[in-house]
């Protein structure tokens, strides 16, 4: 029996662990967090408020552009 995706509450599929970092964290630190926490996104938090998201793709793109050593 298949379940219609429209019937699945978001609480059943959302991640339970939020990985966050400060806005002044280095790209190397963010890459380490992504690797160590097996996550594909880091929420950037300032004054206890989310201000952005850095993804695995963002880290890879920065590496390709020579912004990560």
C-alpha atoms as a PDB file:
ATOM      1  CA  UNK A   1       0.000   0.000   0.000  1.00  0.00           C
ATOM      2  CA  UNK A   2       1.411   3.389  -1.014  1.00  0.00           C
ATOM      3  CA  UNK A   3       0.869   6.566   0.955  1.00  0.00           C
ATOM      4  CA  UNK A   4       0.071   9.773  -0.880  1.00  0.00           C
ATOM      5  CA  UNK A   5       2.849  12.278  -0.122  1.00  0.00           C
ATOM      6  CA  UNK A   6       0.160  14.910   0.444  1.00  0.00           C
ATOM      7  CA  UNK A   7      -0.983  12.910   3.478  1.00  0.00           C
ATOM      8  CA  UNK A   8       2.413  12.794   5.214  1.00  0.00           C
ATOM      9  CA  UNK A   9       2.825  15.431   7.951  1.00  0.00           C
ATOM     10  CA  UNK A  10       6.077  17.401   7.670  1.00  0.00           C
ATOM     11  CA  UNK A  11       6.981  16.434  11.249  1.00  0.00           C
ATOM     12  CA  UNK A  12       7.444  12.847  10.007  1.00  0.00           C
ATOM     13  CA  UNK A  13      10.168  13.796   7.521  1.00  0.00           C
ATOM     14  CA  UNK A  14      11.899  16.901   8.888  1.00  0.00           C
ATOM     15  CA  UNK A  15      15.369  16.474  10.345  1.00  0.00           C
ATOM     16  CA  UNK A  16      15.464  16.444  14.123  1.00  0.00           C
ATOM     17  CA  UNK A  17      19.026  17.760  14.414  1.00  0.00           C
ATOM     18  CA  UNK A  18      19.750  21.306  13.343  1.00  0.00           C
ATOM     19  CA  UNK A  19      23.385  22.065  12.602  1.00  0.00           C
ATOM     20  CA  UNK A  20      24.246  25.732  13.013  1.00  0.00           C
ATOM     21  CA  UNK A  21      27.220  28.066  12.994  1.00  0.00           C
ATOM     22  CA  UNK A  22      28.019  31.717  13.579  1.00  0.00           C
ATOM     23  CA  UNK A  23      28.312  34.093  10.610  1.00  0.00           C
ATOM     24  CA  UNK A  24      32.065  34.453  11.178  1.00  0.00           C
ATOM     25  CA  UNK A  25      32.743  30.698  10.929  1.00  0.00           C
ATOM     26  CA  UNK A  26      35.326  29.820   8.290  1.00  0.00           C
ATOM     27  CA  UNK A  27      34.454  27.782   5.215  1.00  0.00           C
ATOM     28  CA  UNK A  28      36.834  25.118   6.511  1.00  0.00           C
ATOM     29  CA  UNK A  29      34.858  24.960   9.779  1.00  0.00           C
ATOM     30  CA  UNK A  30      31.556  24.705   7.881  1.00  0.00           C
ATOM     31  CA  UNK A  31      32.956  21.942   5.668  1.00  0.00           C
ATOM     32  CA  UNK A  32      34.091  20.093   8.785  1.00  0.00           C
ATOM     33  CA  UNK A  33      30.638  20.426  10.380  1.00  0.00           C
ATOM     34  CA  UNK A  34      28.941  19.167   7.221  1.00  0.00           C
ATOM     35  CA  UNK A  35      31.253  16.174   7.129  1.00  0.00           C
ATOM     36  CA  UNK A  36      31.232  15.362  10.841  1.00  0.00           C
ATOM     37  CA  UNK A  37      27.475  15.762  11.294  1.00  0.00           C
ATOM     38  CA  UNK A  38      26.545  14.019   8.018  1.00  0.00           C
ATOM     39  CA  UNK A  39      24.509  17.041   7.027  1.00  0.00           C
ATOM     40  CA  UNK A  40      24.138  18.865   3.738  1.00  0.00           C
ATOM     41  CA  UNK A  41      23.281  22.253   5.167  1.00  0.00           C
ATOM     42  CA  UNK A  42      24.353  24.529   8.003  1.00  0.00           C
ATOM     43  CA  UNK A  43      22.032  27.221   9.322  1.00  0.00           C
ATOM     44  CA  UNK A  44      23.883  30.456  10.027  1.00  0.00           C
ATOM     45  CA  UNK A  45      22.612  31.964  13.263  1.00  0.00           C
ATOM     46  CA  UNK A  46      23.232  35.444  14.642  1.00  0.00           C
ATOM     47  CA  UNK A  47      21.638  36.761  17.852  1.00  0.00           C
ATOM     48  CA  UNK A  48      19.641  33.500  18.064  1.00  0.00           C
ATOM     49  CA  UNK A  49      18.018  34.182  14.674  1.00  0.00           C
ATOM     50  CA  UNK A  50      18.679  32.300  11.428  1.00  0.00           C
ATOM     51  CA  UNK A  51      20.292  34.590   8.882  1.00  0.00           C
ATOM     52  CA  UNK A  52      21.199  32.138   6.132  1.00  0.00           C
ATOM     53  CA  UNK A  53      21.980  28.608   5.043  1.00  0.00           C
ATOM     54  CA  UNK A  54      25.245  27.241   3.675  1.00  0.00           C
ATOM     55  CA  UNK A  55      24.944  24.002   1.718  1.00  0.00           C
ATOM     56  CA  UNK A  56      27.335  21.333   0.539  1.00  0.00           C
ATOM     57  CA  UNK A  57      26.986  22.821  -2.938  1.00  0.00           C
ATOM     58  CA  UNK A  58      28.043  26.239  -1.626  1.00  0.00           C
ATOM     59  CA  UNK A  59      31.199  24.699  -0.104  1.00  0.00           C
ATOM     60  CA  UNK A  60      32.020  22.815  -3.315  1.00  0.00           C
ATOM     61  CA  UNK A  61      31.462  25.915  -5.433  1.00  0.00           C
ATOM     62  CA  UNK A  62      33.723  27.968  -3.151  1.00  0.00           C
ATOM     63  CA  UNK A  63      36.411  25.280  -3.468  1.00  0.00           C
ATOM     64  CA  UNK A  64      36.115  25.251  -7.242  1.00  0.00           C
ATOM     65  CA  UNK A  65      36.467  29.033  -7.315  1.00  0.00           C
ATOM     66  CA  UNK A  66      39.599  28.802  -5.161  1.00  0.00           C
ATOM     67  CA  UNK A  67      38.019  30.366  -2.077  1.00  0.00           C
ATOM     68  CA  UNK A  68      38.826  27.334   0.112  1.00  0.00           C
ATOM     69  CA  UNK A  69      42.356  26.143   0.655  1.00  0.00           C
END
